[in-house]
Amino acid sequence: MTFIRQNVGPFIILLIFLFALVASSARIFLPTDMSGPAPVTGSILIQGLLMMLKLT
């Protein structure tokens, strides 16, 4: 248990941090039209959810 807490746990946290760092810095290399947030108009799922929220 001590081995997992002192060696494996911090290694997993480090991997998650490095993955998030690479994913967030990769936005620099995207074309400008892809670096913005995704459009929400036209999505059937989101429109259905919004309609359900308006009903309640």
PDB file of N, CA and C in Angstrom:
ATOM      1  N   MET A   1       0.821  -1.191   0.000  1.00  0.00           N
ATOM      2  CA  MET A   1       0.000   0.000   0.000  1.00  0.00           C
ATOM      3  C   MET A   1       0.870   1.262   0.000  1.00  0.00           C
ATOM      4  N   THR A   2       1.969   1.211   0.727  1.00  0.00           N
ATOM      5  CA  THR A   2       2.873   2.350   0.780  1.00  0.00           C
ATOM      6  C   THR A   2       3.522   2.600  -0.573  1.00  0.00           C
ATOM      7  N   PHE A   3       3.852   1.517  -1.278  1.00  0.00           N
ATOM      8  CA  PHE A   3       4.454   1.658  -2.605  1.00  0.00           C
ATOM      9  C   PHE A   3       3.504   2.366  -3.558  1.00  0.00           C
ATOM     10  N   ILE A   4       2.236   2.005  -3.506  1.00  0.00           N
ATOM     11  CA  ILE A   4       1.245   2.635  -4.387  1.00  0.00           C
ATOM     12  C   ILE A   4       1.092   4.105  -4.027  1.00  0.00           C
ATOM     13  N   ARG A   5       1.010   4.408  -2.747  1.00  0.00           N
ATOM     14  CA  ARG A   5       0.801   5.786  -2.310  1.00  0.00           C
ATOM     15  C   ARG A   5       2.015   6.669  -2.600  1.00  0.00           C
ATOM     16  N   GLN A   6       3.215   6.124  -2.507  1.00  0.00           N
ATOM     17  CA  GLN A   6       4.407   6.956  -2.670  1.00  0.00           C
ATOM     18  C   GLN A   6       4.964   6.959  -4.089  1.00  0.00           C
ATOM     19  N   ASN A   7       4.659   5.952  -4.896  1.00  0.00           N
ATOM     20  CA  ASN A   7       5.256   5.868  -6.225  1.00  0.00           C
ATOM     21  C   ASN A   7       4.228   5.905  -7.350  1.00  0.00           C
ATOM     22  N   VAL A   8       3.216   5.093  -7.271  1.00  0.00           N
ATOM     23  CA  VAL A   8       2.257   4.974  -8.360  1.00  0.00           C
ATOM     24  C   VAL A   8       1.308   6.173  -8.393  1.00  0.00           C
ATOM     25  N   GLY A   9       0.814   6.578  -7.261  1.00  0.00           N
ATOM     26  CA  GLY A   9      -0.121   7.709  -7.191  1.00  0.00           C
ATOM     27  C   GLY A   9       0.453   9.000  -7.753  1.00  0.00           C
ATOM     28  N   PRO A  10       1.623   9.434  -7.283  1.00  0.00           N
ATOM     29  CA  PRO A  10       2.213  10.648  -7.855  1.00  0.00           C
ATOM     30  C   PRO A  10       2.536  10.518  -9.348  1.00  0.00           C
ATOM     31  N   PHE A  11       2.912   9.325  -9.792  1.00  0.00           N
ATOM     32  CA  PHE A  11       3.191   9.120 -11.208  1.00  0.00           C
ATOM     33  C   PHE A  11       1.927   9.287 -12.052  1.00  0.00           C
ATOM     34  N   ILE A  12       0.803   8.786 -11.572  1.00  0.00           N
ATOM     35  CA  ILE A  12      -0.462   8.944 -12.295  1.00  0.00           C
ATOM     36  C   ILE A  12      -0.876  10.414 -12.322  1.00  0.00           C
ATOM     37  N   ILE A  13      -0.717  11.108 -11.208  1.00  0.00           N
ATOM     38  CA  ILE A  13      -1.040  12.535 -11.162  1.00  0.00           C
ATOM     39  C   ILE A  13      -0.139  13.312 -12.119  1.00  0.00           C
ATOM     40  N   LEU A  14       1.127  12.960 -12.179  1.00  0.00           N
ATOM     41  CA  LEU A  14       2.054  13.610 -13.106  1.00  0.00           C
ATOM     42  C   LEU A  14       1.654  13.351 -14.560  1.00  0.00           C
ATOM     43  N   LEU A  15       1.240  12.136 -14.878  1.00  0.00           N
ATOM     44  CA  LEU A  15       0.799  11.828 -16.237  1.00  0.00           C
ATOM     45  C   LEU A  15      -0.442  12.630 -16.618  1.00  0.00           C
ATOM     46  N   ILE A  16      -1.384  12.758 -15.694  1.00  0.00           N
ATOM     47  CA  ILE A  16      -2.594  13.538 -15.971  1.00  0.00           C
ATOM     48  C   ILE A  16      -2.229  15.005 -16.187  1.00  0.00           C
ATOM     49  N   PHE A  17      -1.343  15.537 -15.375  1.00  0.00           N
ATOM     50  CA  PHE A  17      -0.913  16.920 -15.534  1.00  0.00           C
ATOM     51  C   PHE A  17      -0.220  17.137 -16.871  1.00  0.00           C
ATOM     52  N   LEU A  18       0.670  16.234 -17.245  1.00  0.00           N
ATOM     53  CA  LEU A  18       1.387  16.381 -18.514  1.00  0.00           C
ATOM     54  C   LEU A  18       0.446  16.261 -19.699  1.00  0.00           C
ATOM     55  N   PHE A  19      -0.535  15.369 -19.617  1.00  0.00           N
ATOM     56  CA  PHE A  19      -1.513  15.244 -20.693  1.00  0.00           C
ATOM     57  C   PHE A  19      -2.323  16.527 -20.837  1.00  0.00           C
ATOM     58  N   ALA A  20      -2.758  17.102 -19.727  1.00  0.00           N
ATOM     59  CA  ALA A  20      -3.507  18.357 -19.780  1.00  0.00           C
ATOM     60  C   ALA A  20      -2.639  19.492 -20.310  1.00  0.00           C
ATOM     61  N   LEU A  21      -1.378  19.513 -19.955  1.00  0.00           N
ATOM     62  CA  LEU A  21      -0.465  20.543 -20.443  1.00  0.00           C
ATOM     63  C   LEU A  21      -0.282  20.441 -21.953  1.00  0.00           C
ATOM     64  N   VAL A  22      -0.090  19.227 -22.449  1.00  0.00           N
ATOM     65  CA  VAL A  22       0.085  19.026 -23.890  1.00  0.00           C
ATOM     66  C   VAL A  22      -1.203  19.351 -24.636  1.00  0.00           C
ATOM     67  N   ALA A  23      -2.342  18.943 -24.090  1.00  0.00           N
ATOM     68  CA  ALA A  23      -3.617  19.199 -24.762  1.00  0.00           C
ATOM     69  C   ALA A  23      -3.927  20.686 -24.814  1.00  0.00           C
ATOM     70  N   SER A  24      -3.624  21.408 -23.763  1.00  0.00           N
ATOM     71  CA  SER A  24      -3.928  22.843 -23.775  1.00  0.00           C
ATOM     72  C   SER A  24      -2.918  23.624 -24.609  1.00  0.00           C
ATOM     73  N   SER A  25      -1.675  23.189 -24.668  1.00  0.00           N
ATOM     74  CA  SER A  25      -0.694  23.906 -25.481  1.00  0.00           C
ATOM     75  C   SER A  25      -0.781  23.518 -26.950  1.00  0.00           C
ATOM     76  N   ALA A  26      -1.455  22.440 -27.285  1.00  0.00           N
ATOM     77  CA  ALA A  26      -1.624  22.052 -28.687  1.00  0.00           C
ATOM     78  C   ALA A  26      -2.546  23.002 -29.423  1.00  0.00           C
ATOM     79  N   ARG A  27      -3.316  23.805 -28.706  1.00  0.00           N
ATOM     80  CA  ARG A  27      -4.211  24.775 -29.349  1.00  0.00           C
ATOM     81  C   ARG A  27      -3.425  25.819 -30.137  1.00  0.00           C
ATOM     82  N   ILE A  28      -2.171  26.024 -29.813  1.00  0.00           N
ATOM     83  CA  ILE A  28      -1.343  26.989 -30.533  1.00  0.00           C
ATOM     84  C   ILE A  28      -1.189  26.577 -31.994  1.00  0.00           C
ATOM     85  N   PHE A  29      -1.089  25.282 -32.247  1.00  0.00           N
ATOM     86  CA  PHE A  29      -0.805  24.785 -33.581  1.00  0.00           C
ATOM     87  C   PHE A  29      -2.059  24.527 -34.403  1.00  0.00           C
ATOM     88  N   LEU A  30      -3.243  24.728 -33.832  1.00  0.00           N
ATOM     89  CA  LEU A  30      -4.473  24.550 -34.584  1.00  0.00           C
ATOM     90  C   LEU A  30      -4.712  25.749 -35.484  1.00  0.00           C
ATOM     91  N   PRO A  31      -5.397  25.532 -36.600  1.00  0.00           N
ATOM     92  CA  PRO A  31      -5.789  26.688 -37.405  1.00  0.00           C
ATOM     93  C   PRO A  31      -6.726  27.587 -36.600  1.00  0.00           C
ATOM     94  N   THR A  32      -6.786  28.857 -36.964  1.00  0.00           N
ATOM     95  CA  THR A  32      -7.559  29.807 -36.165  1.00  0.00           C
ATOM     96  C   THR A  32      -9.037  29.473 -36.126  1.00  0.00           C
ATOM     97  N   ASP A  33      -9.566  28.870 -37.189  1.00  0.00           N
ATOM     98  CA  ASP A  33     -10.991  28.557 -37.163  1.00  0.00           C
ATOM     99  C   ASP A  33     -11.299  27.350 -36.285  1.00  0.00           C
ATOM    100  N   MET A  34     -10.286  26.565 -35.936  1.00  0.00           N
ATOM    101  CA  MET A  34     -10.514  25.403 -35.073  1.00  0.00           C
ATOM    102  C   MET A  34     -10.165  25.679 -33.617  1.00  0.00           C
ATOM    103  N   SER A  35      -9.501  26.789 -33.338  1.00  0.00           N
ATOM    104  CA  SER A  35      -9.056  27.025 -31.967  1.00  0.00           C
ATOM    105  C   SER A  35     -10.148  27.607 -31.083  1.00  0.00           C
ATOM    106  N   GLY A  36     -11.269  28.038 -31.665  1.00  0.00           N
ATOM    107  CA  GLY A  36     -12.367  28.575 -30.876  1.00  0.00           C
ATOM    108  C   GLY A  36     -13.239  27.458 -30.323  1.00  0.00           C
ATOM    109  N   PRO A  37     -14.192  27.813 -29.488  1.00  0.00           N
ATOM    110  CA  PRO A  37     -15.108  26.799 -28.962  1.00  0.00           C
ATOM    111  C   PRO A  37     -16.037  26.286 -30.056  1.00  0.00           C
ATOM    112  N   ALA A  38     -16.543  25.106 -29.871  1.00  0.00           N
ATOM    113  CA  ALA A  38     -17.431  24.500 -30.854  1.00  0.00           C
ATOM    114  C   ALA A  38     -18.771  25.225 -30.861  1.00  0.00           C
ATOM    115  N   PRO A  39     -19.364  25.386 -32.032  1.00  0.00           N
ATOM    116  CA  PRO A  39     -20.677  26.045 -32.085  1.00  0.00           C
ATOM    117  C   PRO A  39     -21.751  25.152 -31.483  1.00  0.00           C
ATOM    118  N   VAL A  40     -22.701  25.754 -30.815  1.00  0.00           N
ATOM    119  CA  VAL A  40     -23.764  24.984 -30.170  1.00  0.00           C
ATOM    120  C   VAL A  40     -25.060  25.026 -30.961  1.00  0.00           C
ATOM    121  N   THR A  41     -25.157  25.855 -31.965  1.00  0.00           N
ATOM    122  CA  THR A  41     -26.389  25.915 -32.751  1.00  0.00           C
ATOM    123  C   THR A  41     -26.454  24.721 -33.690  1.00  0.00           C
ATOM    124  N   GLY A  42     -27.643  24.222 -33.880  1.00  0.00           N
ATOM    125  CA  GLY A  42     -27.841  23.109 -34.794  1.00  0.00           C
ATOM    126  C   GLY A  42     -27.726  21.743 -34.148  1.00  0.00           C
ATOM    127  N   SER A  43     -27.360  21.670 -32.902  1.00  0.00           N
ATOM    128  CA  SER A  43     -27.242  20.382 -32.242  1.00  0.00           C
ATOM    129  C   SER A  43     -28.617  19.949 -31.736  1.00  0.00           C
ATOM    130  N   ILE A  44     -29.066  18.808 -32.200  1.00  0.00           N
ATOM    131  CA  ILE A  44     -30.396  18.314 -31.828  1.00  0.00           C
ATOM    132  C   ILE A  44     -30.444  17.979 -30.343  1.00  0.00           C
ATOM    133  N   LEU A  45     -29.377  17.414 -29.824  1.00  0.00           N
ATOM    134  CA  LEU A  45     -29.354  17.036 -28.409  1.00  0.00           C
ATOM    135  C   LEU A  45     -29.449  18.269 -27.518  1.00  0.00           C
ATOM    136  N   ILE A  46     -28.692  19.300 -27.828  1.00  0.00           N
ATOM    137  CA  ILE A  46     -28.725  20.509 -27.002  1.00  0.00           C
ATOM    138  C   ILE A  46     -30.069  21.203 -27.127  1.00  0.00           C
ATOM    139  N   GLN A  47     -30.621  21.244 -28.334  1.00  0.00           N
ATOM    140  CA  GLN A  47     -31.923  21.871 -28.505  1.00  0.00           C
ATOM    141  C   GLN A  47     -32.988  21.112 -27.722  1.00  0.00           C
ATOM    142  N   GLY A  48     -32.914  19.783 -27.708  1.00  0.00           N
ATOM    143  CA  GLY A  48     -33.866  18.995 -26.928  1.00  0.00           C
ATOM    144  C   GLY A  48     -33.726  19.248 -25.442  1.00  0.00           C
ATOM    145  N   LEU A  49     -32.506  19.359 -24.969  1.00  0.00           N
ATOM    146  CA  LEU A  49     -32.277  19.637 -23.551  1.00  0.00           C
ATOM    147  C   LEU A  49     -32.801  21.017 -23.172  1.00  0.00           C
ATOM    148  N   LEU A  50     -32.573  21.994 -24.053  1.00  0.00           N
ATOM    149  CA  LEU A  50     -33.076  23.334 -23.753  1.00  0.00           C
ATOM    150  C   LEU A  50     -34.604  23.365 -23.723  1.00  0.00           C
ATOM    151  N   MET A  51     -35.230  22.622 -24.619  1.00  0.00           N
ATOM    152  CA  MET A  51     -36.690  22.561 -24.607  1.00  0.00           C
ATOM    153  C   MET A  51     -37.209  21.907 -23.342  1.00  0.00           C
ATOM    154  N   MET A  52     -36.513  20.870 -22.863  1.00  0.00           N
ATOM    155  CA  MET A  52     -36.935  20.205 -21.624  1.00  0.00           C
ATOM    156  C   MET A  52     -36.772  21.139 -20.440  1.00  0.00           C
ATOM    157  N   LEU A  53     -35.717  21.937 -20.440  1.00  0.00           N
ATOM    158  CA  LEU A  53     -35.512  22.869 -19.323  1.00  0.00           C
ATOM    159  C   LEU A  53     -36.557  23.977 -19.328  1.00  0.00           C
ATOM    160  N   LYS A  54     -37.016  24.381 -20.494  1.00  0.00           N
ATOM    161  CA  LYS A  54     -38.043  25.421 -20.564  1.00  0.00           C
ATOM    162  C   LYS A  54     -39.384  24.899 -20.076  1.00  0.00           C
ATOM    163  N   LEU A  55     -39.607  23.607 -20.217  1.00  0.00           N
ATOM    164  CA  LEU A  55     -40.886  23.027 -19.795  1.00  0.00           C
ATOM    165  C   LEU A  55     -40.995  22.943 -18.281  1.00  0.00           C
ATOM    166  N   THR A  56     -39.874  22.814 -17.593  1.00  0.00           N
ATOM    167  CA  THR A  56     -39.930  22.658 -16.141  1.00  0.00           C
ATOM    168  C   THR A  56     -39.869  23.972 -15.428  1.00  0.00           C
TER     169      THR A  56
END
